Amino acid sequence: MVLYSLDADYVFLCDGDLRKVSHPKKKKRLHLAPTAHACPELTALYESGRLLDSDVRKALAPYQTVAAD
């Protein structure tokens, strides 16, 4: 999941697949742990108002794991 936006108590997360940019998941800040990963390409697209679900999926692709049967 990618941090899409935040306010005082909540963060909004999206993955471009199940959670679209247009309808992010709302989570309380205290339930999340920060990571050192950053994606400046997504930040630039978000700030310009051009962030698409496909951009989020591409950015998350290297971090996806394949489930073992």
C-alpha atoms as a PDB file:
ATOM      1  CA  MET A   1       0.000   0.000   0.000  1.00  0.00           C
ATOM      2  CA  VAL A   2       1.052   3.569  -0.655  1.00  0.00           C
ATOM      3  CA  LEU A   3       0.322   6.513   1.593  1.00  0.00           C
ATOM      4  CA  TYR A   4      -2.017   8.656  -0.477  1.00  0.00           C
ATOM      5  CA  SER A   5      -2.861  11.445   1.949  1.00  0.00           C
ATOM      6  CA  LEU A   6      -3.153  12.150   5.649  1.00  0.00           C
ATOM      7  CA  ASP A   7      -4.864  14.343   8.193  1.00  0.00           C
ATOM      8  CA  ALA A   8      -4.498  14.817  11.957  1.00  0.00           C
ATOM      9  CA  ASP A   9      -5.684  11.325  13.003  1.00  0.00           C
ATOM     10  CA  TYR A  10      -5.894   9.243   9.828  1.00  0.00           C
ATOM     11  CA  VAL A  11      -3.890   8.206   6.789  1.00  0.00           C
ATOM     12  CA  PHE A  12      -5.363   7.181   3.462  1.00  0.00           C
ATOM     13  CA  LEU A  13      -3.771   4.265   1.619  1.00  0.00           C
ATOM     14  CA  CYS A  14      -4.130   2.972  -1.924  1.00  0.00           C
ATOM     15  CA  ASP A  15      -2.653   0.124  -3.956  1.00  0.00           C
ATOM     16  CA  GLY A  16      -4.053   0.935  -7.413  1.00  0.00           C
ATOM     17  CA  ASP A  17      -5.835  -2.422  -7.551  1.00  0.00           C
ATOM     18  CA  LEU A  18      -8.277  -3.170  -4.733  1.00  0.00           C
ATOM     19  CA  ARG A  19      -7.950   0.287  -3.209  1.00  0.00           C
ATOM     20  CA  LYS A  20      -8.094   2.847  -5.985  1.00  0.00           C
ATOM     21  CA  VAL A  21      -6.721   6.380  -5.838  1.00  0.00           C
ATOM     22  CA  SER A  22     -10.306   7.609  -6.040  1.00  0.00           C
ATOM     23  CA  HIS A  23     -11.336   5.552  -2.974  1.00  0.00           C
ATOM     24  CA  PRO A  24      -8.373   5.036  -0.605  1.00  0.00           C
ATOM     25  CA  LYS A  25      -8.524   3.043   2.634  1.00  0.00           C
ATOM     26  CA  LYS A  26      -8.793   5.099   5.808  1.00  0.00           C
ATOM     27  CA  LYS A  27      -6.581   3.891   8.705  1.00  0.00           C
ATOM     28  CA  LYS A  28      -5.698   5.369  12.084  1.00  0.00           C
ATOM     29  CA  ARG A  29      -2.107   6.605  12.225  1.00  0.00           C
ATOM     30  CA  LEU A  30      -1.296   4.631  15.364  1.00  0.00           C
ATOM     31  CA  HIS A  31      -1.982   1.316  13.574  1.00  0.00           C
ATOM     32  CA  LEU A  32       0.794   1.854  11.027  1.00  0.00           C
ATOM     33  CA  ALA A  33       4.559   1.674  11.216  1.00  0.00           C
ATOM     34  CA  PRO A  34       6.666   3.965   9.009  1.00  0.00           C
ATOM     35  CA  THR A  35       9.147   2.544   6.517  1.00  0.00           C
ATOM     36  CA  ALA A  36      12.197   4.044   4.863  1.00  0.00           C
ATOM     37  CA  HIS A  37      10.828   3.522   1.341  1.00  0.00           C
ATOM     38  CA  ALA A  38      10.004   6.593  -0.696  1.00  0.00           C
ATOM     39  CA  CYS A  39       8.897   7.045  -4.291  1.00  0.00           C
ATOM     40  CA  PRO A  40       9.599  10.572  -5.564  1.00  0.00           C
ATOM     41  CA  GLU A  41       7.913   9.780  -8.903  1.00  0.00           C
ATOM     42  CA  LEU A  42       4.576   9.170  -7.172  1.00  0.00           C
ATOM     43  CA  THR A  43       5.015  12.265  -5.027  1.00  0.00           C
ATOM     44  CA  ALA A  44       5.556  14.404  -8.114  1.00  0.00           C
ATOM     45  CA  LEU A  45       2.495  12.940  -9.849  1.00  0.00           C
ATOM     46  CA  TYR A  46       0.351  13.408  -6.738  1.00  0.00           C
ATOM     47  CA  GLU A  47       1.395  17.036  -6.339  1.00  0.00           C
ATOM     48  CA  SER A  48       0.619  17.758  -9.991  1.00  0.00           C
ATOM     49  CA  GLY A  49      -2.798  16.056  -9.680  1.00  0.00           C
ATOM     50  CA  ARG A  50      -1.962  13.373 -12.266  1.00  0.00           C
ATOM     51  CA  LEU A  51      -1.559  10.280 -10.076  1.00  0.00           C
ATOM     52  CA  LEU A  52      -3.250   7.242 -11.619  1.00  0.00           C
ATOM     53  CA  ASP A  53      -3.921   3.743 -10.316  1.00  0.00           C
ATOM     54  CA  SER A  54      -1.537   2.347 -12.935  1.00  0.00           C
ATOM     55  CA  ASP A  55       1.281   4.550 -11.565  1.00  0.00           C
ATOM     56  CA  VAL A  56       0.726   3.149  -8.077  1.00  0.00           C
ATOM     57  CA  ARG A  57       0.669  -0.451  -9.363  1.00  0.00           C
ATOM     58  CA  LYS A  58       3.955   0.094 -11.253  1.00  0.00           C
ATOM     59  CA  ALA A  59       5.622   1.597  -8.186  1.00  0.00           C
ATOM     60  CA  LEU A  60       4.503  -1.314  -5.984  1.00  0.00           C
ATOM     61  CA  ALA A  61       5.388  -4.081  -8.481  1.00  0.00           C
ATOM     62  CA  PRO A  62       8.980  -4.635  -7.209  1.00  0.00           C
ATOM     63  CA  TYR A  63       7.646  -5.152  -3.680  1.00  0.00           C
ATOM     64  CA  GLN A  64       4.962  -7.699  -4.588  1.00  0.00           C
ATOM     65  CA  THR A  65       5.577 -11.272  -3.512  1.00  0.00           C
ATOM     66  CA  VAL A  66       4.153 -14.359  -5.137  1.00  0.00           C
ATOM     67  CA  ALA A  67       2.094 -16.510  -2.789  1.00  0.00           C
ATOM     68  CA  ALA A  68       3.289 -20.102  -2.503  1.00  0.00           C
ATOM     69  CA  ASP A  69       0.765 -22.865  -3.058  1.00  0.00           C
END
